[in-house]
Amino acid sequence: MASGNSRSYILNRIKVALDAKENNRAELCASEWQELPRHYRRFGQLEEAELIALFDSRLRHYNGTPFYSEGNVREDIAKILASRAKRVFIVPPAFPQD
């Protein structure tokens, strides 16, 4: 595109945008957006074992390594950290402190 054509194109786009603003096009678009039907699934339909299997497969897909506790979470975490020579472990706020 030649520089003269580029300039005309950009100025025309600005004019269209300003015209749309003057004609309440932005409000019309926002109104149309609000009216879109949204029938999202709000709750999962998988059983706990299926959900864990899905999470496991997705971790592995992204080259993650899932670990499963043998009953004593504190010891299991310590073993995993030691095997990887790590000393820092970040947990979510709701994770049990013990």
PDB file of N, CA and C in Angstrom:
ATOM      1  N   MET A   1       0.848  -1.165   0.000  1.00  0.00           N
ATOM      2  CA  MET A   1       0.000   0.000   0.000  1.00  0.00           C
ATOM      3  C   MET A   1       0.895   1.228   0.000  1.00  0.00           C
ATOM      4  N   ALA A   2       0.690   2.130  -0.898  1.00  0.00           N
ATOM      5  CA  ALA A   2       1.493   3.350  -0.983  1.00  0.00           C
ATOM      6  C   ALA A   2       1.194   4.228   0.225  1.00  0.00           C
ATOM      7  N   SER A   3       2.152   5.105   0.554  1.00  0.00           N
ATOM      8  CA  SER A   3       1.997   5.919   1.757  1.00  0.00           C
ATOM      9  C   SER A   3       0.772   6.828   1.682  1.00  0.00           C
ATOM     10  N   GLY A   4       0.441   7.346   0.501  1.00  0.00           N
ATOM     11  CA  GLY A   4      -0.753   8.177   0.342  1.00  0.00           C
ATOM     12  C   GLY A   4      -2.015   7.374   0.619  1.00  0.00           C
ATOM     13  N   ASN A   5      -2.024   6.145   0.125  1.00  0.00           N
ATOM     14  CA  ASN A   5      -3.177   5.273   0.365  1.00  0.00           C
ATOM     15  C   ASN A   5      -3.272   4.905   1.841  1.00  0.00           C
ATOM     16  N   SER A   6      -2.146   4.672   2.487  1.00  0.00           N
ATOM     17  CA  SER A   6      -2.134   4.340   3.906  1.00  0.00           C
ATOM     18  C   SER A   6      -2.720   5.470   4.722  1.00  0.00           C
ATOM     19  N   ARG A   7      -2.306   6.668   4.388  1.00  0.00           N
ATOM     20  CA  ARG A   7      -2.804   7.848   5.107  1.00  0.00           C
ATOM     21  C   ARG A   7      -4.307   7.963   4.948  1.00  0.00           C
ATOM     22  N   SER A   8      -4.793   7.816   3.746  1.00  0.00           N
ATOM     23  CA  SER A   8      -6.237   7.898   3.478  1.00  0.00           C
ATOM     24  C   SER A   8      -6.983   6.805   4.232  1.00  0.00           C
ATOM     25  N   TYR A   9      -6.416   5.614   4.224  1.00  0.00           N
ATOM     26  CA  TYR A   9      -7.049   4.486   4.904  1.00  0.00           C
ATOM     27  C   TYR A   9      -7.189   4.761   6.404  1.00  0.00           C
ATOM     28  N   ILE A  10      -6.105   5.230   7.009  1.00  0.00           N
ATOM     29  CA  ILE A  10      -6.121   5.506   8.449  1.00  0.00           C
ATOM     30  C   ILE A  10      -7.093   6.625   8.772  1.00  0.00           C
ATOM     31  N   LEU A  11      -7.064   7.702   8.006  1.00  0.00           N
ATOM     32  CA  LEU A  11      -7.982   8.812   8.250  1.00  0.00           C
ATOM     33  C   LEU A  11      -9.438   8.373   8.071  1.00  0.00           C
ATOM     34  N   ASN A  12      -9.691   7.522   7.095  1.00  0.00           N
ATOM     35  CA  ASN A  12     -11.052   7.031   6.890  1.00  0.00           C
ATOM     36  C   ASN A  12     -11.508   6.184   8.076  1.00  0.00           C
ATOM     37  N   ARG A  13     -10.604   5.344   8.602  1.00  0.00           N
ATOM     38  CA  ARG A  13     -10.945   4.511   9.770  1.00  0.00           C
ATOM     39  C   ARG A  13     -11.271   5.387  10.985  1.00  0.00           C
ATOM     40  N   ILE A  14     -10.522   6.467  11.151  1.00  0.00           N
ATOM     41  CA  ILE A  14     -10.777   7.393  12.256  1.00  0.00           C
ATOM     42  C   ILE A  14     -12.145   8.042  12.075  1.00  0.00           C
ATOM     43  N   LYS A  15     -12.459   8.465  10.843  1.00  0.00           N
ATOM     44  CA  LYS A  15     -13.747   9.087  10.562  1.00  0.00           C
ATOM     45  C   LYS A  15     -14.893   8.126  10.858  1.00  0.00           C
ATOM     46  N   VAL A  16     -14.750   6.885  10.434  1.00  0.00           N
ATOM     47  CA  VAL A  16     -15.789   5.877  10.682  1.00  0.00           C
ATOM     48  C   VAL A  16     -15.977   5.681  12.186  1.00  0.00           C
ATOM     49  N   ALA A  17     -14.876   5.616  12.922  1.00  0.00           N
ATOM     50  CA  ALA A  17     -14.962   5.432  14.371  1.00  0.00           C
ATOM     51  C   ALA A  17     -15.645   6.617  15.042  1.00  0.00           C
ATOM     52  N   LEU A  18     -15.290   7.829  14.615  1.00  0.00           N
ATOM     53  CA  LEU A  18     -15.917   9.016  15.191  1.00  0.00           C
ATOM     54  C   LEU A  18     -17.389   9.093  14.838  1.00  0.00           C
ATOM     55  N   ASP A  19     -17.734   8.755  13.598  1.00  0.00           N
ATOM     56  CA  ASP A  19     -19.137   8.738  13.186  1.00  0.00           C
ATOM     57  C   ASP A  19     -19.928   7.722  14.007  1.00  0.00           C
ATOM     58  N   ALA A  20     -19.328   6.580  14.240  1.00  0.00           N
ATOM     59  CA  ALA A  20     -19.993   5.537  15.020  1.00  0.00           C
ATOM     60  C   ALA A  20     -20.242   6.020  16.441  1.00  0.00           C
ATOM     61  N   LYS A  21     -19.269   6.739  16.978  1.00  0.00           N
ATOM     62  CA  LYS A  21     -19.408   7.251  18.343  1.00  0.00           C
ATOM     63  C   LYS A  21     -20.544   8.265  18.406  1.00  0.00           C
ATOM     64  N   GLU A  22     -20.608   9.139  17.415  1.00  0.00           N
ATOM     65  CA  GLU A  22     -21.661  10.156  17.380  1.00  0.00           C
ATOM     66  C   GLU A  22     -23.032   9.522  17.208  1.00  0.00           C
ATOM     67  N   ASN A  23     -23.107   8.433  16.510  1.00  0.00           N
ATOM     68  CA  ASN A  23     -24.390   7.774  16.253  1.00  0.00           C
ATOM     69  C   ASN A  23     -24.724   6.720  17.306  1.00  0.00           C
ATOM     70  N   ASN A  24     -24.066   6.796  18.466  1.00  0.00           N
ATOM     71  CA  ASN A  24     -24.295   5.862  19.572  1.00  0.00           C
ATOM     72  C   ASN A  24     -24.042   4.410  19.179  1.00  0.00           C
ATOM     73  N   ARG A  25     -23.181   4.189  18.222  1.00  0.00           N
ATOM     74  CA  ARG A  25     -22.872   2.824  17.784  1.00  0.00           C
ATOM     75  C   ARG A  25     -22.240   2.022  18.924  1.00  0.00           C
ATOM     76  N   ALA A  26     -21.409   2.679  19.713  1.00  0.00           N
ATOM     77  CA  ALA A  26     -20.759   1.970  20.820  1.00  0.00           C
ATOM     78  C   ALA A  26     -21.803   1.470  21.810  1.00  0.00           C
ATOM     79  N   GLU A  27     -22.796   2.309  22.129  1.00  0.00           N
ATOM     80  CA  GLU A  27     -23.839   1.886  23.066  1.00  0.00           C
ATOM     81  C   GLU A  27     -24.688   0.764  22.473  1.00  0.00           C
ATOM     82  N   LEU A  28     -24.950   0.840  21.173  1.00  0.00           N
ATOM     83  CA  LEU A  28     -25.712  -0.210  20.518  1.00  0.00           C
ATOM     84  C   LEU A  28     -24.951  -1.528  20.558  1.00  0.00           C
ATOM     85  N   CYS A  29     -23.652  -1.481  20.293  1.00  0.00           N
ATOM     86  CA  CYS A  29     -22.836  -2.695  20.343  1.00  0.00           C
ATOM     87  C   CYS A  29     -22.812  -3.268  21.752  1.00  0.00           C
ATOM     88  N   ALA A  30     -22.678  -2.399  22.751  1.00  0.00           N
ATOM     89  CA  ALA A  30     -22.662  -2.864  24.139  1.00  0.00           C
ATOM     90  C   ALA A  30     -23.995  -3.500  24.494  1.00  0.00           C
ATOM     91  N   SER A  31     -25.075  -2.905  24.041  1.00  0.00           N
ATOM     92  CA  SER A  31     -26.405  -3.446  24.301  1.00  0.00           C
ATOM     93  C   SER A  31     -26.571  -4.816  23.648  1.00  0.00           C
ATOM     94  N   GLU A  32     -26.131  -4.934  22.398  1.00  0.00           N
ATOM     95  CA  GLU A  32     -26.219  -6.220  21.702  1.00  0.00           C
ATOM     96  C   GLU A  32     -25.368  -7.271  22.408  1.00  0.00           C
ATOM     97  N   TRP A  33     -24.208  -6.869  22.895  1.00  0.00           N
ATOM     98  CA  TRP A  33     -23.323  -7.799  23.590  1.00  0.00           C
ATOM     99  C   TRP A  33     -23.988  -8.299  24.868  1.00  0.00           C
ATOM    100  N   GLN A  34     -24.655  -7.411  25.600  1.00  0.00           N
ATOM    101  CA  GLN A  34     -25.327  -7.802  26.839  1.00  0.00           C
ATOM    102  C   GLN A  34     -26.463  -8.792  26.576  1.00  0.00           C
ATOM    103  N   GLU A  35     -27.088  -8.706  25.411  1.00  0.00           N
ATOM    104  CA  GLU A  35     -28.236  -9.550  25.098  1.00  0.00           C
ATOM    105  C   GLU A  35     -27.852 -10.931  24.549  1.00  0.00           C
ATOM    106  N   LEU A  36     -26.574 -11.181  24.336  1.00  0.00           N
ATOM    107  CA  LEU A  36     -26.160 -12.490  23.832  1.00  0.00           C
ATOM    108  C   LEU A  36     -26.550 -13.581  24.829  1.00  0.00           C
ATOM    109  N   PRO A  37     -27.123 -14.674  24.335  1.00  0.00           N
ATOM    110  CA  PRO A  37     -27.463 -15.751  25.273  1.00  0.00           C
ATOM    111  C   PRO A  37     -26.198 -16.419  25.804  1.00  0.00           C
ATOM    112  N   ARG A  38     -26.199 -16.683  27.086  1.00  0.00           N
ATOM    113  CA  ARG A  38     -25.050 -17.331  27.715  1.00  0.00           C
ATOM    114  C   ARG A  38     -25.560 -18.490  28.552  1.00  0.00           C
ATOM    115  N   HIS A  39     -25.479 -19.649  27.969  1.00  0.00           N
ATOM    116  CA  HIS A  39     -25.962 -20.850  28.641  1.00  0.00           C
ATOM    117  C   HIS A  39     -24.769 -21.728  29.000  1.00  0.00           C
ATOM    118  N   TYR A  40     -23.899 -21.179  29.832  1.00  0.00           N
ATOM    119  CA  TYR A  40     -22.690 -21.896  30.197  1.00  0.00           C
ATOM    120  C   TYR A  40     -23.015 -22.999  31.201  1.00  0.00           C
ATOM    121  N   ARG A  41     -22.250 -24.049  31.122  1.00  0.00           N
ATOM    122  CA  ARG A  41     -22.372 -25.105  32.108  1.00  0.00           C
ATOM    123  C   ARG A  41     -21.763 -24.591  33.409  1.00  0.00           C
ATOM    124  N   ARG A  42     -22.512 -24.638  34.465  1.00  0.00           N
ATOM    125  CA  ARG A  42     -22.062 -24.072  35.734  1.00  0.00           C
ATOM    126  C   ARG A  42     -21.442 -25.114  36.666  1.00  0.00           C
ATOM    127  N   PHE A  43     -21.799 -26.363  36.475  1.00  0.00           N
ATOM    128  CA  PHE A  43     -21.294 -27.418  37.345  1.00  0.00           C
ATOM    129  C   PHE A  43     -20.797 -28.568  36.496  1.00  0.00           C
ATOM    130  N   GLY A  44     -19.703 -29.183  36.929  1.00  0.00           N
ATOM    131  CA  GLY A  44     -19.145 -30.314  36.206  1.00  0.00           C
ATOM    132  C   GLY A  44     -20.049 -31.535  36.320  1.00  0.00           C
ATOM    133  N   GLN A  45     -19.867 -32.460  35.408  1.00  0.00           N
ATOM    134  CA  GLN A  45     -20.686 -33.661  35.403  1.00  0.00           C
ATOM    135  C   GLN A  45     -19.842 -34.913  35.629  1.00  0.00           C
ATOM    136  N   LEU A  46     -18.574 -34.724  35.952  1.00  0.00           N
ATOM    137  CA  LEU A  46     -17.689 -35.864  36.155  1.00  0.00           C
ATOM    138  C   LEU A  46     -17.675 -36.280  37.618  1.00  0.00           C
ATOM    139  N   GLU A  47     -17.518 -37.563  37.829  1.00  0.00           N
ATOM    140  CA  GLU A  47     -17.326 -38.073  39.188  1.00  0.00           C
ATOM    141  C   GLU A  47     -15.908 -37.698  39.633  1.00  0.00           C
ATOM    142  N   GLU A  48     -15.638 -37.774  40.920  1.00  0.00           N
ATOM    143  CA  GLU A  48     -14.337 -37.348  41.453  1.00  0.00           C
ATOM    144  C   GLU A  48     -13.177 -38.098  40.791  1.00  0.00           C
ATOM    145  N   ALA A  49     -13.297 -39.408  40.637  1.00  0.00           N
ATOM    146  CA  ALA A  49     -12.216 -40.202  40.031  1.00  0.00           C
ATOM    147  C   ALA A  49     -11.976 -39.782  38.584  1.00  0.00           C
ATOM    148  N   GLU A  50     -13.049 -39.509  37.849  1.00  0.00           N
ATOM    149  CA  GLU A  50     -12.914 -39.063  36.452  1.00  0.00           C
ATOM    150  C   GLU A  50     -12.262 -37.686  36.383  1.00  0.00           C
ATOM    151  N   LEU A  51     -12.635 -36.828  37.312  1.00  0.00           N
ATOM    152  CA  LEU A  51     -12.065 -35.485  37.354  1.00  0.00           C
ATOM    153  C   LEU A  51     -10.569 -35.531  37.648  1.00  0.00           C
ATOM    154  N   ILE A  52     -10.175 -36.376  38.584  1.00  0.00           N
ATOM    155  CA  ILE A  52      -8.757 -36.529  38.915  1.00  0.00           C
ATOM    156  C   ILE A  52      -7.996 -37.107  37.721  1.00  0.00           C
ATOM    157  N   ALA A  53      -8.594 -38.085  37.037  1.00  0.00           N
ATOM    158  CA  ALA A  53      -7.947 -38.675  35.859  1.00  0.00           C
ATOM    159  C   ALA A  53      -7.780 -37.636  34.748  1.00  0.00           C
ATOM    160  N   LEU A  54      -8.780 -36.793  34.565  1.00  0.00           N
ATOM    161  CA  LEU A  54      -8.685 -35.734  33.551  1.00  0.00           C
ATOM    162  C   LEU A  54      -7.590 -34.745  33.913  1.00  0.00           C
ATOM    163  N   PHE A  55      -7.536 -34.342  35.171  1.00  0.00           N
ATOM    164  CA  PHE A  55      -6.492 -33.419  35.633  1.00  0.00           C
ATOM    165  C   PHE A  55      -5.112 -34.032  35.443  1.00  0.00           C
ATOM    166  N   ASP A  56      -4.987 -35.308  35.800  1.00  0.00           N
ATOM    167  CA  ASP A  56      -3.725 -36.032  35.641  1.00  0.00           C
ATOM    168  C   ASP A  56      -3.290 -36.030  34.177  1.00  0.00           C
ATOM    169  N   SER A  57      -4.211 -36.346  33.277  1.00  0.00           N
ATOM    170  CA  SER A  57      -3.857 -36.421  31.850  1.00  0.00           C
ATOM    171  C   SER A  57      -3.449 -35.055  31.311  1.00  0.00           C
ATOM    172  N   ARG A  58      -4.100 -34.006  31.794  1.00  0.00           N
ATOM    173  CA  ARG A  58      -3.734 -32.660  31.326  1.00  0.00           C
ATOM    174  C   ARG A  58      -2.376 -32.236  31.882  1.00  0.00           C
ATOM    175  N   LEU A  59      -2.099 -32.594  33.123  1.00  0.00           N
ATOM    176  CA  LEU A  59      -0.762 -32.311  33.664  1.00  0.00           C
ATOM    177  C   LEU A  59       0.311 -32.993  32.830  1.00  0.00           C
ATOM    178  N   ARG A  60       0.095 -34.256  32.539  1.00  0.00           N
ATOM    179  CA  ARG A  60       1.070 -35.014  31.750  1.00  0.00           C
ATOM    180  C   ARG A  60       1.195 -34.458  30.334  1.00  0.00           C
ATOM    181  N   HIS A  61       0.074 -34.017  29.756  1.00  0.00           N
ATOM    182  CA  HIS A  61       0.101 -33.438  28.414  1.00  0.00           C
ATOM    183  C   HIS A  61       1.040 -32.226  28.357  1.00  0.00           C
ATOM    184  N   TYR A  62       1.057 -31.444  29.439  1.00  0.00           N
ATOM    185  CA  TYR A  62       1.916 -30.263  29.491  1.00  0.00           C
ATOM    186  C   TYR A  62       3.240 -30.550  30.194  1.00  0.00           C
ATOM    187  N   ASN A  63       3.645 -31.818  30.168  1.00  0.00           N
ATOM    188  CA  ASN A  63       4.919 -32.264  30.733  1.00  0.00           C
ATOM    189  C   ASN A  63       5.030 -32.030  32.234  1.00  0.00           C
ATOM    190  N   GLY A  64       3.882 -32.016  32.910  1.00  0.00           N
ATOM    191  CA  GLY A  64       3.882 -31.936  34.365  1.00  0.00           C
ATOM    192  C   GLY A  64       4.033 -33.328  34.949  1.00  0.00           C
ATOM    193  N   THR A  65       4.365 -33.397  36.208  1.00  0.00           N
ATOM    194  CA  THR A  65       4.513 -34.680  36.878  1.00  0.00           C
ATOM    195  C   THR A  65       3.570 -34.720  38.073  1.00  0.00           C
ATOM    196  N   PRO A  66       2.468 -35.444  37.962  1.00  0.00           N
ATOM    197  CA  PRO A  66       1.570 -35.542  39.115  1.00  0.00           C
ATOM    198  C   PRO A  66       2.141 -36.478  40.175  1.00  0.00           C
ATOM    199  N   PHE A  67       1.900 -36.152  41.416  1.00  0.00           N
ATOM    200  CA  PHE A  67       2.307 -36.990  42.541  1.00  0.00           C
ATOM    201  C   PHE A  67       1.064 -37.301  43.360  1.00  0.00           C
ATOM    202  N   TYR A  68       0.976 -38.499  43.839  1.00  0.00           N
ATOM    203  CA  TYR A  68      -0.155 -38.911  44.657  1.00  0.00           C
ATOM    204  C   TYR A  68       0.340 -39.251  46.049  1.00  0.00           C
ATOM    205  N   SER A  69      -0.380 -38.780  47.050  1.00  0.00           N
ATOM    206  CA  SER A  69       0.016 -39.002  48.434  1.00  0.00           C
ATOM    207  C   SER A  69      -0.200 -40.450  48.846  1.00  0.00           C
ATOM    208  N   GLU A  70       0.693 -40.909  49.676  1.00  0.00           N
ATOM    209  CA  GLU A  70       0.574 -42.265  50.219  1.00  0.00           C
ATOM    210  C   GLU A  70      -0.089 -42.237  51.585  1.00  0.00           C
ATOM    211  N   GLY A  71      -0.641 -41.103  51.962  1.00  0.00           N
ATOM    212  CA  GLY A  71      -1.353 -41.000  53.235  1.00  0.00           C
ATOM    213  C   GLY A  71      -0.852 -39.897  54.133  1.00  0.00           C
ATOM    214  N   ASN A  72       0.453 -39.677  54.164  1.00  0.00           N
ATOM    215  CA  ASN A  72       1.021 -38.621  54.983  1.00  0.00           C
ATOM    216  C   ASN A  72       1.518 -37.524  54.034  1.00  0.00           C
ATOM    217  N   VAL A  73       0.684 -36.528  53.836  1.00  0.00           N
ATOM    218  CA  VAL A  73       0.972 -35.476  52.856  1.00  0.00           C
ATOM    219  C   VAL A  73       2.270 -34.749  53.200  1.00  0.00           C
ATOM    220  N   ARG A  74       2.491 -34.486  54.470  1.00  0.00           N
ATOM    221  CA  ARG A  74       3.708 -33.769  54.884  1.00  0.00           C
ATOM    222  C   ARG A  74       4.958 -34.540  54.454  1.00  0.00           C
ATOM    223  N   GLU A  75       4.998 -35.825  54.724  1.00  0.00           N
ATOM    224  CA  GLU A  75       6.157 -36.651  54.345  1.00  0.00           C
ATOM    225  C   GLU A  75       6.284 -36.758  52.828  1.00  0.00           C
ATOM    226  N   ASP A  76       5.144 -36.909  52.152  1.00  0.00           N
ATOM    227  CA  ASP A  76       5.181 -37.023  50.688  1.00  0.00           C
ATOM    228  C   ASP A  76       5.742 -35.758  50.049  1.00  0.00           C
ATOM    229  N   ILE A  77       5.313 -34.607  50.545  1.00  0.00           N
ATOM    230  CA  ILE A  77       5.828 -33.337  50.015  1.00  0.00           C
ATOM    231  C   ILE A  77       7.325 -33.228  50.294  1.00  0.00           C
ATOM    232  N   ALA A  78       7.737 -33.595  51.488  1.00  0.00           N
ATOM    233  CA  ALA A  78       9.169 -33.536  51.840  1.00  0.00           C
ATOM    234  C   ALA A  78       9.982 -34.441  50.917  1.00  0.00           C
ATOM    235  N   LYS A  79       9.495 -35.641  50.612  1.00  0.00           N
ATOM    236  CA  LYS A  79      10.205 -36.557  49.707  1.00  0.00           C
ATOM    237  C   LYS A  79      10.319 -35.976  48.305  1.00  0.00           C
ATOM    238  N   ILE A  80       9.227 -35.418  47.828  1.00  0.00           N
ATOM    239  CA  ILE A  80       9.227 -34.843  46.471  1.00  0.00           C
ATOM    240  C   ILE A  80      10.205 -33.678  46.390  1.00  0.00           C
ATOM    241  N   LEU A  81      10.154 -32.785  47.384  1.00  0.00           N
ATOM    242  CA  LEU A  81      11.070 -31.638  47.384  1.00  0.00           C
ATOM    243  C   LEU A  81      12.520 -32.095  47.486  1.00  0.00           C
ATOM    244  N   ALA A  82      12.778 -33.083  48.333  1.00  0.00           N
ATOM    245  CA  ALA A  82      14.148 -33.581  48.488  1.00  0.00           C
ATOM    246  C   ALA A  82      14.636 -34.235  47.196  1.00  0.00           C
ATOM    247  N   SER A  83      13.768 -34.985  46.532  1.00  0.00           N
ATOM    248  CA  SER A  83      14.181 -35.657  45.296  1.00  0.00           C
ATOM    249  C   SER A  83      14.508 -34.665  44.184  1.00  0.00           C
ATOM    250  N   ARG A  84      13.964 -33.477  44.285  1.00  0.00           N
ATOM    251  CA  ARG A  84      14.214 -32.453  43.270  1.00  0.00           C
ATOM    252  C   ARG A  84      15.166 -31.360  43.769  1.00  0.00           C
ATOM    253  N   ALA A  85      15.718 -31.568  44.944  1.00  0.00           N
ATOM    254  CA  ALA A  85      16.641 -30.599  45.562  1.00  0.00           C
ATOM    255  C   ALA A  85      16.002 -29.216  45.673  1.00  0.00           C
ATOM    256  N   LYS A  86      14.753 -29.185  46.106  1.00  0.00           N
ATOM    257  CA  LYS A  86      14.015 -27.926  46.280  1.00  0.00           C
ATOM    258  C   LYS A  86      13.769 -27.697  47.761  1.00  0.00           C
ATOM    259  N   ARG A  87      13.702 -26.426  48.139  1.00  0.00           N
ATOM    260  CA  ARG A  87      13.447 -26.087  49.540  1.00  0.00           C
ATOM    261  C   ARG A  87      12.229 -25.197  49.693  1.00  0.00           C
ATOM    262  N   VAL A  88      11.677 -24.709  48.587  1.00  0.00           N
ATOM    263  CA  VAL A  88      10.534 -23.799  48.640  1.00  0.00           C
ATOM    264  C   VAL A  88       9.318 -24.499  48.056  1.00  0.00           C
ATOM    265  N   PHE A  89       8.207 -24.339  48.738  1.00  0.00           N
ATOM    266  CA  PHE A  89       6.957 -24.959  48.296  1.00  0.00           C
ATOM    267  C   PHE A  89       5.845 -23.937  48.502  1.00  0.00           C
ATOM    268  N   ILE A  90       5.186 -23.545  47.452  1.00  0.00           N
ATOM    269  CA  ILE A  90       4.130 -22.543  47.525  1.00  0.00           C
ATOM    270  C   ILE A  90       2.789 -23.264  47.537  1.00  0.00           C
ATOM    271  N   VAL A  91       1.945 -22.887  48.477  1.00  0.00           N
ATOM    272  CA  VAL A  91       0.635 -23.519  48.600  1.00  0.00           C
ATOM    273  C   VAL A  91      -0.457 -22.448  48.584  1.00  0.00           C
ATOM    274  N   PRO A  92      -1.662 -22.815  48.168  1.00  0.00           N
ATOM    275  CA  PRO A  92      -2.770 -21.862  48.199  1.00  0.00           C
ATOM    276  C   PRO A  92      -3.186 -21.578  49.639  1.00  0.00           C
ATOM    277  N   PRO A  93      -3.845 -20.465  49.890  1.00  0.00           N
ATOM    278  CA  PRO A  93      -4.221 -20.089  51.256  1.00  0.00           C
ATOM    279  C   PRO A  93      -5.069 -21.150  51.968  1.00  0.00           C
ATOM    280  N   ALA A  94      -5.900 -21.883  51.254  1.00  0.00           N
ATOM    281  CA  ALA A  94      -6.787 -22.860  51.887  1.00  0.00           C
ATOM    282  C   ALA A  94      -6.108 -24.194  52.165  1.00  0.00           C
ATOM    283  N   PHE A  95      -4.858 -24.348  51.799  1.00  0.00           N
ATOM    284  CA  PHE A  95      -4.148 -25.611  52.014  1.00  0.00           C
ATOM    285  C   PHE A  95      -3.958 -25.827  53.515  1.00  0.00           C
ATOM    286  N   PRO A  96      -4.252 -27.025  54.013  1.00  0.00           N
ATOM    287  CA  PRO A  96      -4.114 -27.269  55.458  1.00  0.00           C
ATOM    288  C   PRO A  96      -2.695 -26.979  55.956  1.00  0.00           C
ATOM    289  N   GLN A  97      -2.602 -26.253  57.048  1.00  0.00           N
ATOM    290  CA  GLN A  97      -1.308 -25.848  57.592  1.00  0.00           C
ATOM    291  C   GLN A  97      -0.509 -27.011  58.168  1.00  0.00           C
ATOM    292  N   ASP A  98      -1.179 -28.025  58.712  1.00  0.00           N
ATOM    293  CA  ASP A  98      -0.445 -29.143  59.307  1.00  0.00           C
ATOM    294  C   ASP A  98       0.170 -30.006  58.227  1.00  0.00           C
TER     295      ASP A  98
END
